[in-house]
Amino acid sequence: MQSKKRLSEPEPVNDEQPTDPNLRIYVKRGAIRRFARLTRDSRLLPVAIEWDRRQEERRAERKSAPQEQRKSDRRRKPPFTWEMADFVVTESKGGTKKKK
């Protein structure tokens, strides 16, 4: 006579986000619906949803620049999701932990 295998009960779902997720999604200021949707849809994923804290462009044009020091601008064009969907996904560098 063979013994019947018991079906294991599903493990409870943890609704809390991990303490230090590897991926972060920054949402453009004022995109309230996008922020709410991303927060709701990613609550079970190891992702942190945050507002973009910038209020304005930090760099300003210098009026009296004698000569351009840099060969080219180091800034890159933002990903298409920033303009089309009001968010950008970034990956944290390994080894960085938040202090408690």
PDB file of N, CA and C in Angstrom:
ATOM      1  N   MET A   1       0.821  -1.170   0.000  1.00  0.00           N
ATOM      2  CA  MET A   1       0.000   0.000   0.000  1.00  0.00           C
ATOM      3  C   MET A   1       0.877   1.250   0.000  1.00  0.00           C
ATOM      4  N   GLN A   2       0.604   2.156  -0.905  1.00  0.00           N
ATOM      5  CA  GLN A   2       1.401   3.375  -0.997  1.00  0.00           C
ATOM      6  C   GLN A   2       0.789   4.473  -0.141  1.00  0.00           C
ATOM      7  N   SER A   3       1.655   5.270   0.442  1.00  0.00           N
ATOM      8  CA  SER A   3       1.145   6.393   1.223  1.00  0.00           C
ATOM      9  C   SER A   3       0.843   7.574   0.293  1.00  0.00           C
ATOM     10  N   LYS A   4      -0.209   8.267   0.623  1.00  0.00           N
ATOM     11  CA  LYS A   4      -0.587   9.426  -0.184  1.00  0.00           C
ATOM     12  C   LYS A   4       0.252  10.631   0.226  1.00  0.00           C
ATOM     13  N   LYS A   5       0.638  11.382  -0.777  1.00  0.00           N
ATOM     14  CA  LYS A   5       1.394  12.600  -0.488  1.00  0.00           C
ATOM     15  C   LYS A   5       0.431  13.696  -0.062  1.00  0.00           C
ATOM     16  N   ARG A   6       0.806  14.399   0.966  1.00  0.00           N
ATOM     17  CA  ARG A   6      -0.017  15.517   1.412  1.00  0.00           C
ATOM     18  C   ARG A   6       0.345  16.768   0.617  1.00  0.00           C
ATOM     19  N   LEU A   7      -0.660  17.498   0.298  1.00  0.00           N
ATOM     20  CA  LEU A   7      -0.402  18.785  -0.356  1.00  0.00           C
ATOM     21  C   LEU A   7       0.015  19.775   0.717  1.00  0.00           C
ATOM     22  N   SER A   8       1.120  20.408   0.480  1.00  0.00           N
ATOM     23  CA  SER A   8       1.570  21.393   1.468  1.00  0.00           C
ATOM     24  C   SER A   8       0.744  22.658   1.331  1.00  0.00           C
ATOM     25  N   GLU A   9       0.508  23.282   2.456  1.00  0.00           N
ATOM     26  CA  GLU A   9      -0.260  24.525   2.445  1.00  0.00           C
ATOM     27  C   GLU A   9       0.624  25.638   1.903  1.00  0.00           C
ATOM     28  N   PRO A  10       0.045  26.573   1.153  1.00  0.00           N
ATOM     29  CA  PRO A  10       0.854  27.670   0.623  1.00  0.00           C
ATOM     30  C   PRO A  10       1.395  28.529   1.762  1.00  0.00           C
ATOM     31  N   GLU A  11       2.600  29.007   1.550  1.00  0.00           N
ATOM     32  CA  GLU A  11       3.208  29.854   2.571  1.00  0.00           C
ATOM     33  C   GLU A  11       2.536  31.215   2.569  1.00  0.00           C
ATOM     34  N   PRO A  12       2.422  31.834   3.734  1.00  0.00           N
ATOM     35  CA  PRO A  12       1.788  33.157   3.790  1.00  0.00           C
ATOM     36  C   PRO A  12       2.604  34.176   2.993  1.00  0.00           C
ATOM     37  N   VAL A  13       1.887  35.093   2.377  1.00  0.00           N
ATOM     38  CA  VAL A  13       2.539  36.121   1.568  1.00  0.00           C
ATOM     39  C   VAL A  13       2.966  37.260   2.476  1.00  0.00           C
ATOM     40  N   ASN A  14       4.199  37.691   2.316  1.00  0.00           N
ATOM     41  CA  ASN A  14       4.729  38.802   3.094  1.00  0.00           C
ATOM     42  C   ASN A  14       4.469  40.091   2.317  1.00  0.00           C
ATOM     43  N   ASP A  15       3.612  40.969   2.851  1.00  0.00           N
ATOM     44  CA  ASP A  15       3.267  42.212   2.165  1.00  0.00           C
ATOM     45  C   ASP A  15       4.293  43.322   2.380  1.00  0.00           C
ATOM     46  N   GLU A  16       5.299  43.082   3.188  1.00  0.00           N
ATOM     47  CA  GLU A  16       6.291  44.113   3.453  1.00  0.00           C
ATOM     48  C   GLU A  16       7.368  44.083   2.386  1.00  0.00           C
ATOM     49  N   GLN A  17       7.877  45.279   2.060  1.00  0.00           N
ATOM     50  CA  GLN A  17       8.962  45.357   1.097  1.00  0.00           C
ATOM     51  C   GLN A  17      10.267  45.003   1.779  1.00  0.00           C
ATOM     52  N   PRO A  18      11.246  44.506   1.028  1.00  0.00           N
ATOM     53  CA  PRO A  18      12.543  44.217   1.621  1.00  0.00           C
ATOM     54  C   PRO A  18      13.179  45.488   2.173  1.00  0.00           C
ATOM     55  N   THR A  19      14.064  45.337   3.148  1.00  0.00           N
ATOM     56  CA  THR A  19      14.662  46.507   3.775  1.00  0.00           C
ATOM     57  C   THR A  19      15.600  47.257   2.839  1.00  0.00           C
ATOM     58  N   ASP A  20      16.258  46.569   1.939  1.00  0.00           N
ATOM     59  CA  ASP A  20      17.189  47.243   1.033  1.00  0.00           C
ATOM     60  C   ASP A  20      17.031  46.676  -0.380  1.00  0.00           C
ATOM     61  N   PRO A  21      16.003  47.093  -1.092  1.00  0.00           N
ATOM     62  CA  PRO A  21      15.798  46.556  -2.437  1.00  0.00           C
ATOM     63  C   PRO A  21      16.900  46.986  -3.388  1.00  0.00           C
ATOM     64  N   ASN A  22      17.171  46.155  -4.365  1.00  0.00           N
ATOM     65  CA  ASN A  22      18.225  46.423  -5.331  1.00  0.00           C
ATOM     66  C   ASN A  22      17.761  47.385  -6.418  1.00  0.00           C
ATOM     67  N   LEU A  23      16.473  47.373  -6.738  1.00  0.00           N
ATOM     68  CA  LEU A  23      15.933  48.252  -7.772  1.00  0.00           C
ATOM     69  C   LEU A  23      15.126  49.375  -7.152  1.00  0.00           C
ATOM     70  N   ARG A  24      15.256  50.555  -7.729  1.00  0.00           N
ATOM     71  CA  ARG A  24      14.491  51.718  -7.285  1.00  0.00           C
ATOM     72  C   ARG A  24      13.812  52.338  -8.496  1.00  0.00           C
ATOM     73  N   ILE A  25      12.587  52.768  -8.299  1.00  0.00           N
ATOM     74  CA  ILE A  25      11.856  53.464  -9.349  1.00  0.00           C
ATOM     75  C   ILE A  25      11.589  54.873  -8.850  1.00  0.00           C
ATOM     76  N   TYR A  26      12.095  55.851  -9.602  1.00  0.00           N
ATOM     77  CA  TYR A  26      11.877  57.251  -9.260  1.00  0.00           C
ATOM     78  C   TYR A  26      10.775  57.782 -10.157  1.00  0.00           C
ATOM     79  N   VAL A  27       9.758  58.378  -9.527  1.00  0.00           N
ATOM     80  CA  VAL A  27       8.603  58.892 -10.250  1.00  0.00           C
ATOM     81  C   VAL A  27       8.704  60.410 -10.323  1.00  0.00           C
ATOM     82  N   LYS A  28       8.401  60.955 -11.500  1.00  0.00           N
ATOM     83  CA  LYS A  28       8.471  62.391 -11.732  1.00  0.00           C
ATOM     84  C   LYS A  28       7.500  63.126 -10.812  1.00  0.00           C
ATOM     85  N   ARG A  29       7.914  64.295 -10.320  1.00  0.00           N
ATOM     86  CA  ARG A  29       7.062  65.115  -9.452  1.00  0.00           C
ATOM     87  C   ARG A  29       5.718  65.386 -10.120  1.00  0.00           C
ATOM     88  N   GLY A  30       4.664  65.242  -9.338  1.00  0.00           N
ATOM     89  CA  GLY A  30       3.338  65.547  -9.829  1.00  0.00           C
ATOM     90  C   GLY A  30       2.620  64.382 -10.504  1.00  0.00           C
ATOM     91  N   ALA A  31       3.309  63.295 -10.775  1.00  0.00           N
ATOM     92  CA  ALA A  31       2.677  62.139 -11.427  1.00  0.00           C
ATOM     93  C   ALA A  31       2.045  61.250 -10.349  1.00  0.00           C
ATOM     94  N   ILE A  32       0.995  61.770  -9.735  1.00  0.00           N
ATOM     95  CA  ILE A  32       0.373  61.116  -8.579  1.00  0.00           C
ATOM     96  C   ILE A  32      -0.229  59.766  -8.948  1.00  0.00           C
ATOM     97  N   ARG A  33      -0.932  59.701 -10.053  1.00  0.00           N
ATOM     98  CA  ARG A  33      -1.545  58.425 -10.460  1.00  0.00           C
ATOM     99  C   ARG A  33      -0.487  57.373 -10.779  1.00  0.00           C
ATOM    100  N   ARG A  34       0.586  57.794 -11.445  1.00  0.00           N
ATOM    101  CA  ARG A  34       1.663  56.850 -11.773  1.00  0.00           C
ATOM    102  C   ARG A  34       2.296  56.315 -10.492  1.00  0.00           C
ATOM    103  N   PHE A  35       2.552  57.199  -9.518  1.00  0.00           N
ATOM    104  CA  PHE A  35       3.147  56.791  -8.248  1.00  0.00           C
ATOM    105  C   PHE A  35       2.242  55.786  -7.537  1.00  0.00           C
ATOM    106  N   ALA A  36       0.935  56.084  -7.473  1.00  0.00           N
ATOM    107  CA  ALA A  36      -0.003  55.185  -6.793  1.00  0.00           C
ATOM    108  C   ALA A  36      -0.061  53.832  -7.490  1.00  0.00           C
ATOM    109  N   ARG A  37      -0.089  53.838  -8.792  1.00  0.00           N
ATOM    110  CA  ARG A  37      -0.172  52.578  -9.543  1.00  0.00           C
ATOM    111  C   ARG A  37       1.080  51.735  -9.352  1.00  0.00           C
ATOM    112  N   LEU A  38       2.261  52.365  -9.465  1.00  0.00           N
ATOM    113  CA  LEU A  38       3.508  51.622  -9.284  1.00  0.00           C
ATOM    114  C   LEU A  38       3.627  51.091  -7.860  1.00  0.00           C
ATOM    115  N   THR A  39       3.221  51.887  -6.893  1.00  0.00           N
ATOM    116  CA  THR A  39       3.275  51.444  -5.494  1.00  0.00           C
ATOM    117  C   THR A  39       2.372  50.234  -5.289  1.00  0.00           C
ATOM    118  N   ARG A  40       1.169  50.298  -5.827  1.00  0.00           N
ATOM    119  CA  ARG A  40       0.222  49.192  -5.685  1.00  0.00           C
ATOM    120  C   ARG A  40       0.703  47.935  -6.408  1.00  0.00           C
ATOM    121  N   ASP A  41       1.158  48.090  -7.637  1.00  0.00           N
ATOM    122  CA  ASP A  41       1.519  46.925  -8.439  1.00  0.00           C
ATOM    123  C   ASP A  41       2.844  46.283  -8.034  1.00  0.00           C
ATOM    124  N   SER A  42       3.688  47.013  -7.330  1.00  0.00           N
ATOM    125  CA  SER A  42       5.006  46.462  -6.994  1.00  0.00           C
ATOM    126  C   SER A  42       5.157  46.113  -5.517  1.00  0.00           C
ATOM    127  N   ARG A  43       4.059  46.091  -4.782  1.00  0.00           N
ATOM    128  CA  ARG A  43       4.199  45.867  -3.335  1.00  0.00           C
ATOM    129  C   ARG A  43       4.784  44.510  -2.980  1.00  0.00           C
ATOM    130  N   LEU A  44       4.672  43.517  -3.843  1.00  0.00           N
ATOM    131  CA  LEU A  44       5.221  42.192  -3.567  1.00  0.00           C
ATOM    132  C   LEU A  44       6.585  41.981  -4.222  1.00  0.00           C
ATOM    133  N   LEU A  45       7.087  42.984  -4.898  1.00  0.00           N
ATOM    134  CA  LEU A  45       8.375  42.872  -5.596  1.00  0.00           C
ATOM    135  C   LEU A  45       9.473  43.566  -4.807  1.00  0.00           C
ATOM    136  N   PRO A  46      10.715  43.158  -4.994  1.00  0.00           N
ATOM    137  CA  PRO A  46      11.833  43.805  -4.287  1.00  0.00           C
ATOM    138  C   PRO A  46      12.236  45.116  -4.969  1.00  0.00           C
ATOM    139  N   VAL A  47      11.312  46.078  -4.956  1.00  0.00           N
ATOM    140  CA  VAL A  47      11.507  47.364  -5.621  1.00  0.00           C
ATOM    141  C   VAL A  47      11.082  48.464  -4.668  1.00  0.00           C
ATOM    142  N   ALA A  48      11.814  49.564  -4.642  1.00  0.00           N
ATOM    143  CA  ALA A  48      11.430  50.732  -3.854  1.00  0.00           C
ATOM    144  C   ALA A  48      10.898  51.800  -4.806  1.00  0.00           C
ATOM    145  N   ILE A  49       9.750  52.364  -4.503  1.00  0.00           N
ATOM    146  CA  ILE A  49       9.151  53.423  -5.303  1.00  0.00           C
ATOM    147  C   ILE A  49       9.371  54.732  -4.554  1.00  0.00           C
ATOM    148  N   GLU A  50       9.972  55.707  -5.220  1.00  0.00           N
ATOM    149  CA  GLU A  50      10.281  56.985  -4.575  1.00  0.00           C
ATOM    150  C   GLU A  50       9.953  58.135  -5.508  1.00  0.00           C
ATOM    151  N   TRP A  51       9.641  59.287  -4.910  1.00  0.00           N
ATOM    152  CA  TRP A  51       9.437  60.508  -5.691  1.00  0.00           C
ATOM    153  C   TRP A  51      10.787  61.061  -6.108  1.00  0.00           C
ATOM    154  N   ASP A  52      10.820  61.679  -7.268  1.00  0.00           N
ATOM    155  CA  ASP A  52      12.004  62.425  -7.682  1.00  0.00           C
ATOM    156  C   ASP A  52      12.032  63.696  -6.832  1.00  0.00           C
ATOM    157  N   ARG A  53      13.112  63.922  -6.117  1.00  0.00           N
ATOM    158  CA  ARG A  53      13.172  65.043  -5.184  1.00  0.00           C
ATOM    159  C   ARG A  53      13.594  66.351  -5.838  1.00  0.00           C
ATOM    160  N   ARG A  54      14.097  66.279  -7.050  1.00  0.00           N
ATOM    161  CA  ARG A  54      14.587  67.503  -7.693  1.00  0.00           C
ATOM    162  C   ARG A  54      13.434  68.460  -7.978  1.00  0.00           C
ATOM    163  N   GLN A  55      13.684  69.730  -7.729  1.00  0.00           N
ATOM    164  CA  GLN A  55      12.666  70.736  -7.996  1.00  0.00           C
ATOM    165  C   GLN A  55      12.995  71.544  -9.245  1.00  0.00           C
ATOM    166  N   GLU A  56      14.245  71.641  -9.555  1.00  0.00           N
ATOM    167  CA  GLU A  56      14.667  72.378 -10.741  1.00  0.00           C
ATOM    168  C   GLU A  56      16.047  71.903 -11.164  1.00  0.00           C
ATOM    169  N   GLU A  57      16.480  72.339 -12.305  1.00  0.00           N
ATOM    170  CA  GLU A  57      17.798  71.965 -12.809  1.00  0.00           C
ATOM    171  C   GLU A  57      18.862  72.530 -11.866  1.00  0.00           C
ATOM    172  N   ARG A  58      19.777  71.687 -11.427  1.00  0.00           N
ATOM    173  CA  ARG A  58      20.811  72.138 -10.488  1.00  0.00           C
ATOM    174  C   ARG A  58      21.906  72.934 -11.179  1.00  0.00           C
ATOM    175  N   ARG A  59      22.220  72.532 -12.364  1.00  0.00           N
ATOM    176  CA  ARG A  59      23.299  73.223 -13.063  1.00  0.00           C
ATOM    177  C   ARG A  59      22.763  74.456 -13.771  1.00  0.00           C
ATOM    178  N   ALA A  60      23.498  75.519 -13.670  1.00  0.00           N
ATOM    179  CA  ALA A  60      23.108  76.752 -14.352  1.00  0.00           C
ATOM    180  C   ALA A  60      24.223  77.131 -15.331  1.00  0.00           C
ATOM    181  N   GLU A  61      23.851  77.810 -16.371  1.00  0.00           N
ATOM    182  CA  GLU A  61      24.846  78.264 -17.344  1.00  0.00           C
ATOM    183  C   GLU A  61      25.714  79.344 -16.718  1.00  0.00           C
ATOM    184  N   ARG A  62      27.009  79.212 -16.892  1.00  0.00           N
ATOM    185  CA  ARG A  62      27.923  80.258 -16.436  1.00  0.00           C
ATOM    186  C   ARG A  62      27.972  81.337 -17.499  1.00  0.00           C
ATOM    187  N   LYS A  63      27.859  82.561 -17.070  1.00  0.00           N
ATOM    188  CA  LYS A  63      27.803  83.656 -18.030  1.00  0.00           C
ATOM    189  C   LYS A  63      29.171  83.986 -18.606  1.00  0.00           C
ATOM    190  N   SER A  64      30.210  83.876 -17.807  1.00  0.00           N
ATOM    191  CA  SER A  64      31.534  84.251 -18.300  1.00  0.00           C
ATOM    192  C   SER A  64      32.484  83.048 -18.254  1.00  0.00           C
ATOM    193  N   ALA A  65      32.270  82.131 -19.135  1.00  0.00           N
ATOM    194  CA  ALA A  65      33.152  80.974 -19.217  1.00  0.00           C
ATOM    195  C   ALA A  65      34.230  81.290 -20.244  1.00  0.00           C
ATOM    196  N   PRO A  66      35.477  81.406 -19.796  1.00  0.00           N
ATOM    197  CA  PRO A  66      36.543  81.767 -20.733  1.00  0.00           C
ATOM    198  C   PRO A  66      36.772  80.698 -21.803  1.00  0.00           C
ATOM    199  N   GLN A  67      36.677  79.459 -21.391  1.00  0.00           N
ATOM    200  CA  GLN A  67      36.930  78.361 -22.324  1.00  0.00           C
ATOM    201  C   GLN A  67      36.251  77.117 -21.777  1.00  0.00           C
ATOM    202  N   GLU A  68      35.699  76.337 -22.654  1.00  0.00           N
ATOM    203  CA  GLU A  68      35.039  75.105 -22.215  1.00  0.00           C
ATOM    204  C   GLU A  68      36.100  74.136 -21.709  1.00  0.00           C
ATOM    205  N   GLN A  69      35.967  73.703 -20.462  1.00  0.00           N
ATOM    206  CA  GLN A  69      36.947  72.819 -19.837  1.00  0.00           C
ATOM    207  C   GLN A  69      36.712  71.358 -20.212  1.00  0.00           C
ATOM    208  N   ARG A  70      35.468  70.983 -20.364  1.00  0.00           N
ATOM    209  CA  ARG A  70      35.166  69.588 -20.652  1.00  0.00           C
ATOM    210  C   ARG A  70      35.133  69.347 -22.151  1.00  0.00           C
ATOM    211  N   LYS A  71      35.479  68.159 -22.520  1.00  0.00           N
ATOM    212  CA  LYS A  71      35.411  67.777 -23.934  1.00  0.00           C
ATOM    213  C   LYS A  71      33.969  67.542 -24.361  1.00  0.00           C
ATOM    214  N   SER A  72      33.183  66.938 -23.479  1.00  0.00           N
ATOM    215  CA  SER A  72      31.772  66.705 -23.774  1.00  0.00           C
ATOM    216  C   SER A  72      31.006  66.649 -22.463  1.00  0.00           C
ATOM    217  N   ASP A  73      29.731  66.825 -22.553  1.00  0.00           N
ATOM    218  CA  ASP A  73      28.888  66.778 -21.373  1.00  0.00           C
ATOM    219  C   ASP A  73      28.767  65.327 -20.906  1.00  0.00           C
ATOM    220  N   ARG A  74      28.931  65.101 -19.606  1.00  0.00           N
ATOM    221  CA  ARG A  74      28.871  63.739 -19.068  1.00  0.00           C
ATOM    222  C   ARG A  74      27.448  63.266 -18.849  1.00  0.00           C
ATOM    223  N   ARG A  75      26.523  64.173 -18.860  1.00  0.00           N
ATOM    224  CA  ARG A  75      25.134  63.772 -18.648  1.00  0.00           C
ATOM    225  C   ARG A  75      24.596  63.052 -19.862  1.00  0.00           C
ATOM    226  N   ARG A  76      23.793  62.058 -19.589  1.00  0.00           N
ATOM    227  CA  ARG A  76      23.155  61.316 -20.670  1.00  0.00           C
ATOM    228  C   ARG A  76      21.708  61.766 -20.801  1.00  0.00           C
ATOM    229  N   LYS A  77      21.141  61.483 -21.932  1.00  0.00           N
ATOM    230  CA  LYS A  77      19.723  61.741 -22.134  1.00  0.00           C
ATOM    231  C   LYS A  77      18.950  60.778 -21.245  1.00  0.00           C
ATOM    232  N   PRO A  78      17.894  61.248 -20.555  1.00  0.00           N
ATOM    233  CA  PRO A  78      17.134  60.335 -19.702  1.00  0.00           C
ATOM    234  C   PRO A  78      16.465  59.238 -20.518  1.00  0.00           C
ATOM    235  N   PRO A  79      16.220  58.088 -19.894  1.00  0.00           N
ATOM    236  CA  PRO A  79      15.556  56.995 -20.613  1.00  0.00           C
ATOM    237  C   PRO A  79      14.173  57.426 -21.099  1.00  0.00           C
ATOM    238  N   PHE A  80      13.660  56.745 -22.107  1.00  0.00           N
ATOM    239  CA  PHE A  80      12.372  57.116 -22.686  1.00  0.00           C
ATOM    240  C   PHE A  80      11.238  57.030 -21.676  1.00  0.00           C
ATOM    241  N   THR A  81      11.380  56.185 -20.649  1.00  0.00           N
ATOM    242  CA  THR A  81      10.304  56.058 -19.664  1.00  0.00           C
ATOM    243  C   THR A  81      10.118  57.346 -18.864  1.00  0.00           C
ATOM    244  N   TRP A  82      11.165  58.156 -18.764  1.00  0.00           N
ATOM    245  CA  TRP A  82      11.064  59.406 -18.003  1.00  0.00           C
ATOM    246  C   TRP A  82      10.108  60.376 -18.696  1.00  0.00           C
ATOM    247  N   GLU A  83      10.202  60.480 -19.996  1.00  0.00           N
ATOM    248  CA  GLU A  83       9.329  61.383 -20.746  1.00  0.00           C
ATOM    249  C   GLU A  83       7.972  60.757 -21.057  1.00  0.00           C
ATOM    250  N   MET A  84       7.944  59.481 -21.385  1.00  0.00           N
ATOM    251  CA  MET A  84       6.705  58.826 -21.814  1.00  0.00           C
ATOM    252  C   MET A  84       5.843  58.338 -20.657  1.00  0.00           C
ATOM    253  N   ALA A  85       6.466  57.870 -19.571  1.00  0.00           N
ATOM    254  CA  ALA A  85       5.702  57.241 -18.495  1.00  0.00           C
ATOM    255  C   ALA A  85       5.958  57.858 -17.120  1.00  0.00           C
ATOM    256  N   ASP A  86       6.734  58.926 -17.056  1.00  0.00           N
ATOM    257  CA  ASP A  86       6.975  59.682 -15.816  1.00  0.00           C
ATOM    258  C   ASP A  86       7.726  58.916 -14.738  1.00  0.00           C
ATOM    259  N   PHE A  87       8.553  57.941 -15.109  1.00  0.00           N
ATOM    260  CA  PHE A  87       9.376  57.259 -14.112  1.00  0.00           C
ATOM    261  C   PHE A  87      10.653  56.736 -14.762  1.00  0.00           C
ATOM    262  N   VAL A  88      11.613  56.392 -13.901  1.00  0.00           N
ATOM    263  CA  VAL A  88      12.851  55.777 -14.360  1.00  0.00           C
ATOM    264  C   VAL A  88      13.240  54.704 -13.349  1.00  0.00           C
ATOM    265  N   VAL A  89      13.785  53.599 -13.839  1.00  0.00           N
ATOM    266  CA  VAL A  89      14.212  52.485 -12.985  1.00  0.00           C
ATOM    267  C   VAL A  89      15.726  52.533 -12.860  1.00  0.00           C
ATOM    268  N   THR A  90      16.222  52.443 -11.630  1.00  0.00           N
ATOM    269  CA  THR A  90      17.664  52.426 -11.396  1.00  0.00           C
ATOM    270  C   THR A  90      18.028  51.199 -10.576  1.00  0.00           C
ATOM    271  N   GLU A  91      19.271  50.799 -10.672  1.00  0.00           N
ATOM    272  CA  GLU A  91      19.763  49.674  -9.894  1.00  0.00           C
ATOM    273  C   GLU A  91      20.809  50.178  -8.909  1.00  0.00           C
ATOM    274  N   SER A  92      20.654  49.788  -7.657  1.00  0.00           N
ATOM    275  CA  SER A  92      21.607  50.188  -6.627  1.00  0.00           C
ATOM    276  C   SER A  92      22.921  49.467  -6.826  1.00  0.00           C
ATOM    277  N   LYS A  93      23.990  50.107  -6.449  1.00  0.00           N
ATOM    278  CA  LYS A  93      25.304  49.469  -6.501  1.00  0.00           C
ATOM    279  C   LYS A  93      25.372  48.431  -5.393  1.00  0.00           C
ATOM    280  N   GLY A  94      26.042  47.342  -5.653  1.00  0.00           N
ATOM    281  CA  GLY A  94      26.178  46.282  -4.653  1.00  0.00           C
ATOM    282  C   GLY A  94      26.993  46.746  -3.459  1.00  0.00           C
ATOM    283  N   GLY A  95      26.626  46.247  -2.281  1.00  0.00           N
ATOM    284  CA  GLY A  95      27.388  46.556  -1.076  1.00  0.00           C
ATOM    285  C   GLY A  95      26.925  47.789  -0.341  1.00  0.00           C
ATOM    286  N   THR A  96      25.942  48.533  -0.850  1.00  0.00           N
ATOM    287  CA  THR A  96      25.474  49.693  -0.129  1.00  0.00           C
ATOM    288  C   THR A  96      24.266  49.304   0.686  1.00  0.00           C
ATOM    289  N   LYS A  97      24.313  49.576   1.957  1.00  0.00           N
ATOM    290  CA  LYS A  97      23.234  49.244   2.871  1.00  0.00           C
ATOM    291  C   LYS A  97      22.772  50.507   3.562  1.00  0.00           C
ATOM    292  N   LYS A  98      21.469  50.580   3.854  1.00  0.00           N
ATOM    293  CA  LYS A  98      20.952  51.708   4.600  1.00  0.00           C
ATOM    294  C   LYS A  98      21.288  51.526   6.071  1.00  0.00           C
ATOM    295  N   LYS A  99      21.645  52.620   6.709  1.00  0.00           N
ATOM    296  CA  LYS A  99      21.893  52.562   8.138  1.00  0.00           C
ATOM    297  C   LYS A  99      20.573  52.654   8.877  1.00  0.00           C
ATOM    298  N   LYS A 100      20.476  51.893   9.949  1.00  0.00           N
ATOM    299  CA  LYS A 100      19.225  51.902  10.730  1.00  0.00           C
ATOM    300  C   LYS A 100      19.358  52.796  11.921  1.00  0.00           C
TER     301      LYS A 100
END
